[in-house]
C-alpha cells in the first residue's frame, strides 16, 4: 500500500513539473516558464559567503518589480536628502 501511495505521489510531482520549462540564461540566471511561454520566475545561483556551495534563489516577476520599485524609491529619497542644504 505504501508503495502505491509513493508511486502516485511521484507521478503527481512529475506531472506538475512537466507543465513548466526552464530556460538557461547567461550569468547564472534562468527563467521558469509555463507551457504558454509566460515567464513566472527568474532564478539565479548565489554563492554562500564562506563556502563554495551555491544556493538557488528564485523570485516571481511580481517580487522582482516590487524590489525594483523599492530600490528606486530608496535612491530618490536619499538623493533628495543629499541635495537638501543644511542650515546651521
N, C-alpha and C. Protein backbone atom coordinates (compact mmCIF):
# COMPACT_ATOMS: atom_id res chain seq x y z
N UNK A 1 0.82 -1.20 0.00
CA UNK A 1 0.00 0.00 0.00
C UNK A 1 0.86 1.26 0.00
N UNK A 2 1.93 1.26 0.82
CA UNK A 2 2.82 2.41 0.88
C UNK A 2 3.49 2.63 -0.48
N UNK A 3 3.80 1.52 -1.16
CA UNK A 3 4.43 1.61 -2.47
C UNK A 3 3.51 2.31 -3.46
N UNK A 4 2.24 1.99 -3.45
CA UNK A 4 1.27 2.57 -4.37
C UNK A 4 1.11 4.06 -4.08
N UNK A 5 1.04 4.43 -2.82
CA UNK A 5 0.91 5.84 -2.45
C UNK A 5 2.16 6.61 -2.86
N UNK A 6 3.33 6.00 -2.65
CA UNK A 6 4.59 6.63 -3.06
C UNK A 6 4.66 6.84 -4.56
N UNK A 7 4.23 5.85 -5.32
CA UNK A 7 4.24 5.96 -6.78
C UNK A 7 3.26 7.04 -7.24
N UNK A 8 2.09 7.09 -6.63
CA UNK A 8 1.09 8.09 -7.01
C UNK A 8 1.61 9.49 -6.72
N UNK A 9 2.26 9.67 -5.58
CA UNK A 9 2.82 10.97 -5.23
C UNK A 9 3.92 11.37 -6.21
N UNK A 10 4.77 10.42 -6.56
CA UNK A 10 5.83 10.70 -7.52
C UNK A 10 5.29 11.10 -8.88
N UNK A 11 4.26 10.41 -9.32
CA UNK A 11 3.65 10.76 -10.62
C UNK A 11 3.02 12.14 -10.60
N UNK A 12 2.39 12.49 -9.49
CA UNK A 12 1.80 13.83 -9.39
C UNK A 12 2.88 14.91 -9.42
N UNK A 13 3.99 14.66 -8.75
CA UNK A 13 5.09 15.63 -8.77
C UNK A 13 5.66 15.80 -10.17
N UNK A 14 5.83 14.69 -10.87
CA UNK A 14 6.34 14.77 -12.23
C UNK A 14 5.36 15.47 -13.16
N UNK A 15 4.08 15.25 -12.96
CA UNK A 15 3.08 15.90 -13.80
C UNK A 15 3.11 17.41 -13.58
N UNK A 16 3.31 17.85 -12.35
CA UNK A 16 3.40 19.27 -12.06
C UNK A 16 4.63 19.90 -12.68
N UNK A 17 5.72 19.18 -12.70
CA UNK A 17 6.96 19.71 -13.27
C UNK A 17 6.91 19.76 -14.79
N UNK A 18 6.11 18.92 -15.40
CA UNK A 18 6.08 18.89 -16.87
C UNK A 18 5.35 20.10 -17.45
N UNK A 19 4.61 20.83 -16.63
CA UNK A 19 3.88 21.97 -17.15
C UNK A 19 4.75 23.23 -17.21
N UNK A 20 5.96 23.17 -16.68
CA UNK A 20 6.86 24.32 -16.72
C UNK A 20 8.15 23.91 -17.41
N UNK A 21 8.80 24.89 -18.02
CA UNK A 21 10.11 24.66 -18.63
C UNK A 21 11.08 25.67 -18.06
N UNK A 22 12.35 25.38 -18.18
CA UNK A 22 13.36 26.28 -17.65
C UNK A 22 14.33 26.64 -18.77
N UNK A 23 14.56 27.92 -18.96
CA UNK A 23 15.46 28.41 -19.99
C UNK A 23 16.70 28.97 -19.30
N UNK A 24 17.86 28.43 -19.65
CA UNK A 24 19.11 28.89 -19.05
C UNK A 24 19.57 30.16 -19.75
N UNK A 25 19.93 31.16 -18.98
CA UNK A 25 20.46 32.40 -19.50
C UNK A 25 21.92 32.52 -19.10
N UNK A 26 22.60 33.51 -19.61
CA UNK A 26 23.99 33.70 -19.22
C UNK A 26 24.06 34.29 -17.81
N UNK A 27 25.20 34.30 -17.21
CA UNK A 27 25.46 34.86 -15.89
C UNK A 27 24.79 34.09 -14.76
N UNK A 28 24.48 32.82 -14.95
CA UNK A 28 23.91 32.02 -13.88
C UNK A 28 22.43 32.22 -13.67
N UNK A 29 21.76 32.97 -14.51
CA UNK A 29 20.33 33.20 -14.39
C UNK A 29 19.57 32.18 -15.23
N UNK A 30 18.35 31.89 -14.82
CA UNK A 30 17.46 31.05 -15.62
C UNK A 30 16.03 31.54 -15.43
N UNK A 31 15.19 31.27 -16.42
CA UNK A 31 13.79 31.66 -16.36
C UNK A 31 12.94 30.41 -16.30
N UNK A 32 11.91 30.43 -15.47
CA UNK A 32 10.95 29.33 -15.43
C UNK A 32 9.69 29.82 -16.13
N UNK A 33 9.27 29.06 -17.15
CA UNK A 33 8.14 29.47 -17.98
C UNK A 33 7.06 28.41 -17.97
N UNK A 34 5.82 28.85 -18.18
CA UNK A 34 4.70 27.92 -18.33
C UNK A 34 4.73 27.37 -19.75
N UNK A 35 3.83 26.44 -20.02
CA UNK A 35 3.76 25.86 -21.36
C UNK A 35 3.37 26.92 -22.40
N UNK A 36 2.71 27.99 -21.96
CA UNK A 36 2.33 29.07 -22.87
C UNK A 36 3.49 29.98 -23.23
N UNK A 37 4.62 29.83 -22.54
CA UNK A 37 5.77 30.69 -22.78
C UNK A 37 5.81 31.90 -21.86
N UNK A 38 4.92 31.96 -20.89
CA UNK A 38 4.88 33.08 -19.94
C UNK A 38 5.91 32.84 -18.83
N UNK A 39 6.76 33.83 -18.60
CA UNK A 39 7.78 33.72 -17.56
C UNK A 39 7.11 33.91 -16.20
N UNK A 40 7.31 32.95 -15.30
CA UNK A 40 6.71 33.04 -13.97
C UNK A 40 7.73 33.39 -12.91
N UNK A 41 8.96 32.90 -13.03
CA UNK A 41 10.00 33.14 -12.04
C UNK A 41 11.35 33.32 -12.74
N UNK A 42 12.24 34.05 -12.07
CA UNK A 42 13.62 34.18 -12.51
C UNK A 42 14.49 33.64 -11.38
N UNK A 43 15.40 32.74 -11.71
CA UNK A 43 16.25 32.11 -10.71
C UNK A 43 17.71 32.44 -10.98
N UNK A 44 18.51 32.42 -9.90
CA UNK A 44 19.94 32.58 -10.06
C UNK A 44 20.65 31.80 -8.97
N UNK A 45 21.90 31.47 -9.23
CA UNK A 45 22.71 30.77 -8.25
C UNK A 45 23.55 31.79 -7.50
N UNK A 46 23.47 31.74 -6.18
CA UNK A 46 24.22 32.67 -5.34
C UNK A 46 25.16 31.86 -4.47
N UNK A 47 26.41 32.27 -4.42
CA UNK A 47 27.37 31.56 -3.58
C UNK A 47 27.23 32.05 -2.14
N UNK A 48 27.12 31.10 -1.22
CA UNK A 48 27.01 31.43 0.19
C UNK A 48 28.36 31.91 0.70
N UNK A 49 28.35 32.99 1.47
CA UNK A 49 29.59 33.57 1.98
C UNK A 49 30.29 32.57 2.89
N UNK A 50 31.58 32.37 2.66
CA UNK A 50 32.37 31.49 3.50
C UNK A 50 32.40 30.04 3.05
N UNK A 51 31.68 29.72 1.97
CA UNK A 51 31.67 28.34 1.47
C UNK A 51 31.81 28.35 -0.04
N UNK A 52 31.99 27.18 -0.60
CA UNK A 52 31.99 27.04 -2.05
C UNK A 52 30.65 26.55 -2.56
N UNK A 53 29.68 26.44 -1.66
CA UNK A 53 28.36 25.96 -2.05
C UNK A 53 27.53 27.09 -2.65
N UNK A 54 26.74 26.73 -3.64
CA UNK A 54 25.84 27.72 -4.25
C UNK A 54 24.41 27.40 -3.85
N UNK A 55 23.64 28.45 -3.68
CA UNK A 55 22.24 28.32 -3.30
C UNK A 55 21.41 28.89 -4.44
N UNK A 56 20.36 28.19 -4.82
CA UNK A 56 19.50 28.65 -5.90
C UNK A 56 18.40 29.52 -5.30
N UNK A 57 18.26 30.71 -5.85
CA UNK A 57 17.27 31.67 -5.37
C UNK A 57 16.33 32.02 -6.51
N UNK A 58 15.03 31.79 -6.31
CA UNK A 58 14.03 32.08 -7.33
C UNK A 58 13.06 33.14 -6.83
N UNK A 59 12.71 34.07 -7.70
CA UNK A 59 11.76 35.14 -7.33
C UNK A 59 10.75 35.28 -8.46
N UNK A 60 9.52 35.58 -8.08
CA UNK A 60 8.48 35.77 -9.09
C UNK A 60 8.68 37.14 -9.77
N UNK A 61 8.04 37.31 -10.89
CA UNK A 61 8.14 38.57 -11.62
C UNK A 61 7.59 39.71 -10.77
N UNK A 62 6.51 39.47 -10.05
CA UNK A 62 5.92 40.49 -9.19
C UNK A 62 6.90 40.91 -8.09
N UNK A 63 7.59 39.95 -7.47
CA UNK A 63 8.57 40.26 -6.43
C UNK A 63 9.72 41.09 -7.00
N UNK A 64 10.18 40.73 -8.20
CA UNK A 64 11.28 41.47 -8.82
C UNK A 64 10.89 42.92 -9.09
N UNK A 65 9.67 43.15 -9.58
CA UNK A 65 9.22 44.51 -9.86
C UNK A 65 9.03 45.31 -8.58
N UNK A 66 8.50 44.67 -7.52
CA UNK A 66 8.36 45.36 -6.24
C UNK A 66 9.72 45.75 -5.68
N UNK A 67 10.71 44.87 -5.79
CA UNK A 67 12.07 45.19 -5.32
C UNK A 67 12.68 46.33 -6.12
N UNK A 68 12.46 46.32 -7.43
CA UNK A 68 12.99 47.38 -8.28
C UNK A 68 12.38 48.73 -7.91
N UNK A 69 11.06 48.75 -7.71
CA UNK A 69 10.39 50.00 -7.33
C UNK A 69 10.86 50.48 -5.95
N UNK A 70 11.03 49.57 -5.01
CA UNK A 70 11.51 49.94 -3.68
C UNK A 70 12.92 50.52 -3.76
N UNK A 71 13.76 49.94 -4.60
CA UNK A 71 15.13 50.44 -4.75
C UNK A 71 15.12 51.84 -5.39
N UNK A 72 14.24 52.05 -6.36
CA UNK A 72 14.15 53.37 -6.98
C UNK A 72 13.65 54.41 -5.98
N UNK A 73 12.64 54.05 -5.18
CA UNK A 73 12.14 54.97 -4.16
C UNK A 73 13.23 55.30 -3.15
N UNK A 74 13.99 54.29 -2.74
CA UNK A 74 15.08 54.48 -1.79
C UNK A 74 16.12 55.46 -2.34
N UNK A 75 16.50 55.24 -3.59
CA UNK A 75 17.52 56.11 -4.20
C UNK A 75 16.99 57.53 -4.36
N UNK A 76 15.76 57.69 -4.79
CA UNK A 76 15.20 59.03 -4.94
C UNK A 76 15.12 59.75 -3.60
N UNK A 77 14.74 59.05 -2.56
CA UNK A 77 14.64 59.65 -1.23
C UNK A 77 16.01 60.12 -0.75
N UNK A 78 17.01 59.24 -0.84
CA UNK A 78 18.32 59.61 -0.32
C UNK A 78 19.06 60.59 -1.22
N UNK A 79 18.80 60.58 -2.50
CA UNK A 79 19.40 61.61 -3.35
C UNK A 79 18.80 62.96 -3.02
N UNK A 80 17.51 63.00 -2.72
CA UNK A 80 16.86 64.23 -2.32
C UNK A 80 17.38 64.72 -0.99
N UNK A 81 17.70 63.82 -0.07
CA UNK A 81 18.25 64.18 1.24
C UNK A 81 19.64 64.80 1.09
N UNK A 82 20.41 64.28 0.15
CA UNK A 82 21.77 64.78 -0.04
C UNK A 82 21.75 66.18 -0.66
N UNK A 83 20.73 66.50 -1.44
CA UNK A 83 20.67 67.80 -2.11
C UNK A 83 20.08 68.89 -1.22
N UNK A 84 19.45 68.51 -0.13
CA UNK A 84 18.85 69.48 0.77
C UNK A 84 19.96 70.21 1.54
N UNK A 85 19.99 71.54 1.49
CA UNK A 85 21.05 72.27 2.21
C UNK A 85 20.86 72.16 3.72
N UNK A 86 21.97 72.12 4.40
CA UNK A 86 21.94 72.06 5.86
C UNK A 86 22.07 73.48 6.39
N UNK A 87 21.12 73.89 7.22
CA UNK A 87 21.13 75.26 7.76
C UNK A 87 21.54 75.17 9.23
N UNK A 88 22.55 75.94 9.59
CA UNK A 88 23.01 75.96 10.98
C UNK A 88 22.53 77.18 11.69
